[in-house]
Amino acid sequence: MKQSSVGNQGSYSVLLNEFLNAFVAFLFAASAPVAIIISVSLGSGLSESDIGSWIFAVFVFNGLLSIAMSVSYRQPLVFLWTIPGAILVGTALKTLSFEEVIGAYILTGVLLLCLGLTGWVKKVMDWLPMPVVMGMVAGVFVSFGLDWIKAFEADFFLVSAMSATFLAFTILYRLPLILPPLIYALIVGVIIIFERQGLEIGEVAFAASLVTPKTYIPEFSLSAALELVVPLAVTVIAAQNAQGIMVLKNVGHNPPVNTITSYCGFMSLFTALYGGISTCLTGPVNAILVSSNRPDAHWVAAIFLGVFAIMFGLTAPTVTKILIAAPPAFLATLAGLALLKTLQSAFSGAFSSSHPMGGLIAFLVTLGGMPMLNIGSPFWGLAFGAIISFLLERKSSS
């Protein structure tokens, strides 16, 4: 009896630890990545109901997928959405309708499903040099870094306080902190906002409501397909899934690469109908989930996170209202700080020794933002970067 009691206490301790890891990972997923969706959507003219439906789709459907996959494979397989893809869509919505973008989501889902079922994922990524992909990603992300810097002029005290908090906790992150540095910056920002406009934010939160998701009829156009499908698929496979798979392998898990790609495509077909962007295996969230020393229990944390994601998605209108009511400098700072490490990795990958010219061309063309033939710059960044690498850097690839 005594040994059984000790065993039960140990099980409860493991469950509590996995629950806390899941909650921390959820806080990350529900903060800066959602702020990026809000920033992209507001800049593209989407309505509040469009944004709420988008958030509902990417949290509820992907939460269900995360639970199902984690239970099936007994490892943490958490799916959310492609953040670089969301930024790509923000650029595309300047020339495309939301229905055209949704049509591109569906075509991307079909492409991912085919790549996963045929096992061609590795062949595609071998053909397209990674520096070119990272050059395109860097060109897409850099505007968010610049928006963070510009936010100092708009609200110096708020942005300085959040940035200083992020820096301080990043320096201290070698210590056993409970939360990631970004969450502390978020807390400081929320405190400052509530001190300034607490009544207004309180009224918004009080008017909490459950989501009424919108369904969309996709519109398929050649310009949207050319501009978005390949770049979106590349961000899912190379910028997101690759990171998540590496995180899991580093702690001894064996994620099924082709199956992951297939289900990213399959679930993207469902999220698209409600305005949600393409599904991917998340890197940062899975990294938090595998931070405990019990790999055999990591999948339990993934189930907890899936439940949190579903609950969060069902209250999407409340989240949307609160973030829209917050100062723009808050969103810009949160998004900029969240993308710093990703932007750093993108630059490091783009200007590596293997295909530096291709990476540079991909970065410059994407950053230039000039559409050609009514197709956005991210597609041309990939195209011209790959062509330059093929012409000038073939020896590097051999």
Protein backbone atom coordinates (compact mmCIF):
# COMPACT_ATOMS: atom_id res chain seq x y z
CA MET A 1 0.00 0.00 0.00
CA LYS A 2 2.79 2.37 0.85
CA GLN A 3 4.55 1.77 -2.49
CA SER A 4 1.24 2.31 -4.34
CA SER A 5 0.77 5.63 -2.56
CA VAL A 6 4.25 6.78 -3.55
CA GLY A 7 3.61 5.66 -7.12
CA ASN A 8 0.36 7.61 -7.25
CA GLN A 9 2.10 10.70 -5.92
CA GLY A 10 4.72 10.33 -8.64
CA SER A 11 2.05 10.05 -11.33
CA TYR A 12 0.26 13.13 -10.05
CA SER A 13 3.55 15.02 -10.04
CA VAL A 14 4.25 14.05 -13.66
CA LEU A 15 0.73 15.02 -14.74
CA LEU A 16 0.99 18.37 -12.95
CA ASN A 17 4.35 19.08 -14.58
CA GLU A 18 3.01 18.25 -18.06
CA PHE A 19 -0.09 20.35 -17.40
CA LEU A 20 2.04 23.36 -16.45
CA ASN A 21 4.26 22.92 -19.53
CA ALA A 22 1.15 22.76 -21.68
CA PHE A 23 -0.23 25.92 -20.11
CA VAL A 24 3.03 27.82 -20.68
CA ALA A 25 3.13 26.62 -24.29
CA PHE A 26 -0.49 27.69 -24.71
CA LEU A 27 0.26 31.17 -23.37
CA PHE A 28 2.96 31.49 -26.02
CA ALA A 29 0.68 30.24 -28.81
CA ALA A 30 -2.18 32.50 -27.76
CA SER A 31 -0.11 35.68 -27.43
CA ALA A 32 2.37 36.82 -30.08
CA PRO A 33 1.22 34.47 -32.89
CA VAL A 34 -2.36 35.71 -32.42
CA ALA A 35 -1.09 39.28 -32.34
CA ILE A 36 0.52 38.61 -35.72
CA ILE A 37 -2.83 37.42 -37.11
CA ILE A 38 -4.51 40.57 -35.78
CA SER A 39 -1.81 42.85 -37.22
CA VAL A 40 -1.92 41.16 -40.63
CA SER A 41 -5.72 41.15 -40.73
CA LEU A 42 -6.18 44.78 -39.68
CA GLY A 43 -3.59 45.88 -42.22
CA SER A 44 -5.43 43.94 -44.92
CA GLY A 45 -8.90 45.29 -44.20
CA LEU A 46 -10.46 42.08 -42.85
CA SER A 47 -13.49 42.47 -40.60
CA GLU A 48 -13.64 41.55 -36.92
CA SER A 49 -15.81 38.53 -37.77
CA ASP A 50 -13.26 37.40 -40.38
CA ILE A 51 -10.50 37.56 -37.79
CA GLY A 52 -12.59 35.70 -35.20
CA SER A 53 -13.38 32.92 -37.65
CA TRP A 54 -9.69 32.67 -38.65
CA ILE A 55 -8.64 32.28 -34.99
CA PHE A 56 -11.44 29.75 -34.39
CA ALA A 57 -10.34 27.60 -37.32
CA VAL A 58 -6.63 27.46 -36.57
CA PHE A 59 -7.11 26.72 -32.86
CA VAL A 60 -10.14 24.41 -32.78
CA PHE A 61 -9.40 22.21 -35.80
CA ASN A 62 -5.67 22.03 -35.12
CA GLY A 63 -6.34 21.38 -31.43
CA LEU A 64 -8.41 18.35 -32.42
CA LEU A 65 -5.68 17.18 -34.79
CA SER A 66 -3.01 17.63 -32.10
CA ILE A 67 -4.95 15.46 -29.65
CA ALA A 68 -5.61 12.73 -32.22
CA MET A 69 -2.02 12.57 -33.50
CA SER A 70 -0.43 12.73 -30.04
CA VAL A 71 -2.62 9.89 -28.77
CA SER A 72 -1.97 7.80 -31.89
CA TYR A 73 1.82 8.15 -31.83
CA ARG A 74 2.36 8.62 -28.07
CA GLN A 75 4.56 11.66 -28.70
CA PRO A 76 3.87 15.41 -28.70
CA LEU A 77 2.62 16.33 -32.17
CA VAL A 78 1.08 19.77 -31.80
CA PHE A 79 -0.24 21.44 -34.94
CA LEU A 80 -1.13 25.11 -35.29
CA TRP A 81 -0.60 27.35 -38.30
CA THR A 82 2.22 28.76 -40.39
CA ILE A 83 3.24 32.18 -39.05
CA PRO A 84 5.39 33.07 -42.11
CA GLY A 85 2.41 32.07 -44.21
CA ALA A 86 0.16 34.49 -42.32
CA ILE A 87 2.56 37.31 -43.15
CA LEU A 88 2.62 36.20 -46.78
CA VAL A 89 -1.16 36.41 -46.83
CA GLY A 90 -1.07 39.94 -45.44
CA THR A 91 0.96 40.97 -48.48
CA ALA A 92 -1.26 39.02 -50.88
CA LEU A 93 -4.48 40.58 -49.56
CA LYS A 94 -3.36 43.94 -50.93
CA THR A 95 -4.14 42.66 -54.43
CA LEU A 96 -6.32 39.56 -53.84
CA SER A 97 -9.73 39.04 -52.28
CA PHE A 98 -10.04 36.92 -49.13
CA GLU A 99 -12.00 34.33 -51.13
CA GLU A 100 -9.11 34.06 -53.61
CA VAL A 101 -6.70 33.58 -50.72
CA ILE A 102 -8.92 30.83 -49.31
CA GLY A 103 -8.88 29.14 -52.72
CA ALA A 104 -5.07 29.20 -52.50
CA TYR A 105 -5.28 27.67 -48.99
CA ILE A 106 -7.24 24.73 -50.42
CA LEU A 107 -4.80 24.22 -53.29
CA THR A 108 -1.93 24.36 -50.77
CA GLY A 109 -3.68 21.71 -48.68
CA VAL A 110 -4.04 19.46 -51.74
CA LEU A 111 -0.35 19.95 -52.60
CA LEU A 112 0.77 19.12 -49.04
CA LEU A 113 -1.48 16.07 -48.97
CA CYS A 114 0.01 14.80 -52.24
CA LEU A 115 3.58 15.42 -51.09
CA GLY A 116 2.95 13.56 -47.86
CA LEU A 117 1.17 10.58 -49.43
CA THR A 118 3.78 10.15 -52.16
CA GLY A 119 6.77 10.74 -49.86
CA TRP A 120 8.13 13.45 -52.17
CA VAL A 121 8.66 15.94 -49.36
CA LYS A 122 12.39 15.29 -49.10
CA LYS A 123 12.86 15.42 -52.88
CA VAL A 124 11.17 18.81 -53.10
CA MET A 125 13.27 20.26 -50.29
CA ASP A 126 16.46 18.83 -51.81
CA TRP A 127 15.63 20.55 -55.10
CA LEU A 128 14.94 23.95 -53.54
CA PRO A 129 18.04 25.25 -51.70
CA MET A 130 17.33 26.08 -48.06
CA PRO A 131 19.16 29.46 -48.24
CA VAL A 132 16.69 30.55 -50.93
CA VAL A 133 13.77 29.55 -48.71
CA MET A 134 15.26 31.36 -45.73
CA GLY A 135 15.97 34.43 -47.86
CA MET A 136 12.28 34.59 -48.77
CA VAL A 137 11.26 34.09 -45.12
CA ALA A 138 13.66 36.84 -43.98
CA GLY A 139 12.24 39.20 -46.59
CA VAL A 140 8.72 38.51 -45.31
CA PHE A 141 9.58 38.82 -41.59
CA VAL A 142 11.79 41.89 -41.66
CA SER A 143 8.85 44.31 -41.87
CA PHE A 144 7.66 43.11 -38.45
CA GLY A 145 11.07 43.82 -36.97
CA LEU A 146 10.97 47.31 -38.45
CA ASP A 147 7.43 47.87 -37.13
CA TRP A 148 8.70 47.08 -33.64
CA ILE A 149 11.45 49.70 -33.99
CA LYS A 150 8.99 52.27 -35.35
CA ALA A 151 6.67 51.58 -32.42
CA PHE A 152 9.18 53.31 -30.09
CA GLU A 153 8.19 56.60 -31.69
CA ALA A 154 4.47 55.88 -31.36
CA ASP A 155 4.53 54.85 -27.65
CA PHE A 156 8.03 55.04 -26.21
CA PHE A 157 7.15 54.10 -22.61
CA LEU A 158 5.06 51.02 -23.46
CA VAL A 159 7.47 49.68 -26.07
CA SER A 160 10.55 50.39 -23.95
CA ALA A 161 9.07 48.67 -20.91
CA MET A 162 8.09 45.56 -22.89
CA SER A 163 11.42 45.43 -24.75
CA ALA A 164 13.49 45.92 -21.58
CA THR A 165 11.51 43.17 -19.83
CA PHE A 166 12.06 40.82 -22.76
CA LEU A 167 15.80 41.57 -22.77
CA ALA A 168 16.15 41.17 -19.00
CA PHE A 169 14.41 37.80 -18.90
CA THR A 170 16.27 36.64 -21.99
CA ILE A 171 19.53 37.33 -20.15
CA LEU A 172 18.19 35.46 -17.11
CA TYR A 173 16.75 32.59 -19.14
CA ARG A 174 19.63 30.32 -18.11
CA LEU A 175 17.94 30.33 -14.68
CA PRO A 176 14.86 28.10 -14.09
CA LEU A 177 12.21 30.65 -15.10
CA ILE A 178 8.58 29.60 -15.08
CA LEU A 179 7.61 31.39 -18.30
CA PRO A 180 9.41 32.30 -21.54
CA PRO A 181 10.74 35.91 -21.73
CA LEU A 182 8.05 36.92 -24.22
CA ILE A 183 5.27 36.13 -21.74
CA TYR A 184 6.84 38.45 -19.13
CA ALA A 185 6.97 41.21 -21.75
CA LEU A 186 3.31 40.52 -22.51
CA ILE A 187 2.39 40.77 -18.81
CA VAL A 188 4.19 44.11 -18.45
CA GLY A 189 2.46 45.45 -21.55
CA VAL A 190 -0.96 44.33 -20.30
CA ILE A 191 -0.37 45.99 -16.91
CA ILE A 192 0.54 49.30 -18.57
CA ILE A 193 -2.46 49.15 -20.90
CA PHE A 194 -4.86 48.40 -18.05
CA GLU A 195 -3.49 51.32 -16.06
CA ARG A 196 -4.18 53.61 -19.01
CA GLN A 197 -7.46 52.25 -20.33
CA GLY A 198 -8.58 49.66 -17.81
CA LEU A 199 -12.27 50.56 -17.99
CA GLU A 200 -12.35 50.34 -21.78
CA ILE A 201 -10.56 46.98 -21.88
CA GLY A 202 -12.70 45.72 -19.01
CA GLU A 203 -15.88 46.54 -20.89
CA VAL A 204 -14.57 44.68 -23.93
CA ALA A 205 -13.68 41.61 -21.85
CA PHE A 206 -17.07 41.73 -20.09
CA ALA A 207 -18.80 41.48 -23.46
CA ALA A 208 -17.29 38.01 -23.93
CA SER A 209 -18.98 35.78 -26.45
CA LEU A 210 -18.57 32.42 -28.12
CA VAL A 211 -17.61 32.26 -31.76
CA THR A 212 -20.01 32.00 -34.66
CA PRO A 213 -17.63 30.85 -37.37
CA LYS A 214 -18.06 32.09 -40.92
CA THR A 215 -17.94 29.74 -43.85
CA TYR A 216 -16.43 30.93 -47.11
CA ILE A 217 -16.88 29.91 -50.71
CA PRO A 218 -13.36 29.71 -52.15
CA GLU A 219 -12.54 31.47 -55.37
CA PHE A 220 -9.81 29.92 -57.48
CA SER A 221 -7.64 32.25 -59.53
CA LEU A 222 -4.37 31.73 -61.34
CA SER A 223 -2.75 34.80 -59.78
CA ALA A 224 -3.59 33.66 -56.23
CA ALA A 225 -2.40 30.12 -56.96
CA LEU A 226 0.93 31.30 -58.37
CA GLU A 227 1.48 33.86 -55.63
CA LEU A 228 0.61 31.77 -52.60
CA VAL A 229 0.48 28.01 -53.11
CA VAL A 230 4.20 27.24 -53.49
CA PRO A 231 5.39 29.83 -50.91
CA LEU A 232 2.77 28.63 -48.39
CA ALA A 233 3.72 24.98 -48.91
CA VAL A 234 7.40 25.87 -48.54
CA THR A 235 6.81 27.75 -45.28
CA VAL A 236 4.87 24.78 -43.90
CA ILE A 237 7.46 22.16 -44.89
CA ALA A 238 10.74 24.07 -44.57
CA ALA A 239 10.16 26.93 -42.13
CA GLN A 240 7.75 25.21 -39.72
CA ASN A 241 7.57 21.41 -39.96
CA ALA A 242 11.34 21.04 -40.29
CA GLN A 243 11.82 23.04 -37.10
CA GLY A 244 9.19 21.07 -35.18
CA ILE A 245 10.55 17.72 -36.38
CA MET A 246 14.08 18.68 -35.35
CA VAL A 247 12.86 19.75 -31.89
CA LEU A 248 11.21 16.38 -31.36
CA LYS A 249 14.13 14.34 -32.71
CA ASN A 250 16.57 16.16 -30.43
CA VAL A 251 14.84 14.71 -27.36
CA GLY A 252 14.50 11.19 -28.74
CA HIS A 253 11.09 11.20 -30.42
CA ASN A 254 10.59 9.82 -33.92
CA PRO A 255 7.99 12.01 -35.67
CA PRO A 256 6.47 10.53 -38.86
CA VAL A 257 7.52 13.09 -41.48
CA ASN A 258 5.32 12.01 -44.38
CA THR A 259 2.27 11.49 -42.16
CA ILE A 260 2.77 14.93 -40.61
CA THR A 261 2.88 16.52 -44.07
CA SER A 262 -0.22 14.60 -45.17
CA TYR A 263 -2.25 15.70 -42.15
CA CYS A 264 -1.08 19.28 -42.53
CA GLY A 265 -2.62 19.17 -46.00
CA PHE A 266 -5.75 17.32 -44.89
CA MET A 267 -6.52 19.71 -42.02
CA SER A 268 -5.71 22.75 -44.17
CA LEU A 269 -8.73 21.84 -46.30
CA PHE A 270 -11.00 22.20 -43.27
CA THR A 271 -9.45 25.32 -41.74
CA ALA A 272 -9.59 27.07 -45.13
CA LEU A 273 -13.38 26.86 -45.30
CA TYR A 274 -13.58 28.94 -42.12
CA GLY A 275 -10.87 31.45 -43.08
CA GLY A 276 -7.95 29.69 -41.38
CA ILE A 277 -4.50 29.52 -42.92
CA SER A 278 -2.54 26.33 -43.65
CA THR A 279 -1.80 23.89 -40.81
CA CYS A 280 1.76 23.05 -39.74
CA LEU A 281 3.67 21.24 -37.01
CA THR A 282 4.70 23.95 -34.55
CA GLY A 283 8.30 24.35 -33.43
CA PRO A 284 8.33 26.71 -30.39
CA VAL A 285 5.24 25.17 -28.76
CA ASN A 286 6.55 21.62 -29.10
CA ALA A 287 9.91 22.83 -27.75
CA ILE A 288 8.19 23.97 -24.54
CA LEU A 289 6.27 20.70 -24.26
CA VAL A 290 9.42 18.57 -24.44
CA SER A 291 11.29 20.62 -21.83
CA SER A 292 10.55 18.11 -19.04
CA ASN A 293 12.77 15.08 -18.38
CA ARG A 294 9.96 12.60 -19.01
CA PRO A 295 9.80 11.92 -22.77
CA ASP A 296 7.26 9.15 -22.14
CA ALA A 297 4.81 11.76 -20.81
CA HIS A 298 5.31 14.54 -23.35
CA TRP A 299 2.30 13.39 -25.35
CA VAL A 300 0.10 14.02 -22.31
CA ALA A 301 1.16 17.67 -22.32
CA ALA A 302 0.21 17.83 -26.00
CA ILE A 303 -3.30 16.61 -25.15
CA PHE A 304 -3.66 19.30 -22.48
CA LEU A 305 -2.53 21.91 -24.99
CA GLY A 306 -5.02 20.63 -27.57
CA VAL A 307 -7.83 21.11 -25.05
CA PHE A 308 -6.62 24.65 -24.24
CA ALA A 309 -6.48 25.44 -27.96
CA ILE A 310 -10.05 24.27 -28.55
CA MET A 311 -11.37 26.31 -25.62
CA PHE A 312 -9.45 29.37 -26.81
CA GLY A 313 -10.73 29.05 -30.36
CA LEU A 314 -14.33 28.87 -29.17
CA THR A 315 -13.92 32.28 -27.46
CA ALA A 316 -12.19 33.87 -30.46
CA PRO A 317 -14.48 36.97 -30.61
CA THR A 318 -13.45 38.00 -27.09
CA VAL A 319 -9.75 37.65 -27.87
CA THR A 320 -10.18 39.57 -31.11
CA LYS A 321 -12.04 42.46 -29.44
CA ILE A 322 -9.44 42.82 -26.67
CA LEU A 323 -6.45 42.82 -29.02
CA ILE A 324 -8.09 45.25 -31.44
CA ALA A 325 -8.80 47.58 -28.50
CA ALA A 326 -5.11 47.49 -27.46
CA PRO A 327 -2.70 50.16 -28.76
CA PRO A 328 -1.13 49.30 -32.15
CA ALA A 329 2.32 49.71 -30.56
CA PHE A 330 1.51 46.80 -28.22
CA LEU A 331 0.74 44.46 -31.12
CA ALA A 332 3.78 45.64 -33.08
CA THR A 333 6.09 45.07 -30.11
CA LEU A 334 4.67 41.67 -29.25
CA ALA A 335 4.96 40.48 -32.85
CA GLY A 336 8.42 41.95 -33.36
CA LEU A 337 9.87 40.42 -30.20
CA ALA A 338 8.31 37.04 -31.00
CA LEU A 339 9.91 36.97 -34.43
CA LEU A 340 13.42 38.11 -33.44
CA LYS A 341 14.92 34.64 -33.13
CA THR A 342 13.11 33.42 -36.22
CA LEU A 343 14.37 36.41 -38.18
CA GLN A 344 17.90 35.79 -36.90
CA SER A 345 17.70 32.14 -37.99
CA ALA A 346 16.34 33.16 -41.37
CA PHE A 347 19.24 35.56 -41.98
CA SER A 348 21.76 32.95 -40.82
CA GLY A 349 20.26 30.35 -43.13
CA ALA A 350 19.88 32.71 -46.09
CA PHE A 351 23.48 33.89 -46.10
CA SER A 352 25.15 30.57 -45.41
CA SER A 353 28.21 29.43 -47.31
CA SER A 354 26.30 27.10 -49.66
CA HIS A 355 23.99 29.41 -51.67
CA PRO A 356 24.61 32.97 -50.42
CA MET A 357 23.79 34.72 -53.71
CA GLY A 358 20.54 32.82 -54.15
CA GLY A 359 19.58 33.67 -50.58
CA LEU A 360 20.43 37.33 -51.11
CA ILE A 361 18.38 37.57 -54.31
CA ALA A 362 15.42 35.84 -52.65
CA PHE A 363 15.63 38.28 -49.74
CA LEU A 364 15.90 41.42 -51.88
CA VAL A 365 13.14 40.46 -54.31
CA THR A 366 10.78 39.53 -51.46
CA LEU A 367 11.64 42.65 -49.49
CA GLY A 368 11.10 44.83 -52.56
CA GLY A 369 7.45 43.85 -52.46
CA MET A 370 6.78 44.66 -56.11
CA PRO A 371 4.29 42.27 -57.74
CA MET A 372 4.93 41.16 -61.31
CA LEU A 373 2.19 39.75 -63.56
CA ASN A 374 -0.13 40.33 -60.60
CA ILE A 375 1.83 37.75 -58.57
CA GLY A 376 3.31 38.80 -55.21
CA SER A 377 6.99 39.18 -54.46
CA PRO A 378 7.44 36.07 -52.21
CA PHE A 379 6.86 33.80 -55.21
CA TRP A 380 9.34 35.76 -57.32
CA GLY A 381 11.81 35.74 -54.45
CA LEU A 382 11.79 31.94 -54.48
CA ALA A 383 11.85 31.78 -58.29
CA PHE A 384 14.69 34.24 -58.90
CA GLY A 385 16.67 32.97 -55.91
CA ALA A 386 16.47 29.40 -57.20
CA ILE A 387 17.42 30.46 -60.75
CA ILE A 388 20.45 32.43 -59.55
CA SER A 389 21.56 29.53 -57.35
CA PHE A 390 21.24 27.13 -60.27
CA LEU A 391 23.21 29.39 -62.62
CA LEU A 392 25.93 30.63 -60.26
CA GLU A 393 26.13 28.18 -57.39
CA ARG A 394 25.76 24.70 -58.86
CA LYS A 395 29.14 23.67 -57.49
CA SER A 396 27.91 24.56 -54.00
CA SER A 397 24.90 22.27 -54.36
CA SER A 398 26.86 19.29 -55.67
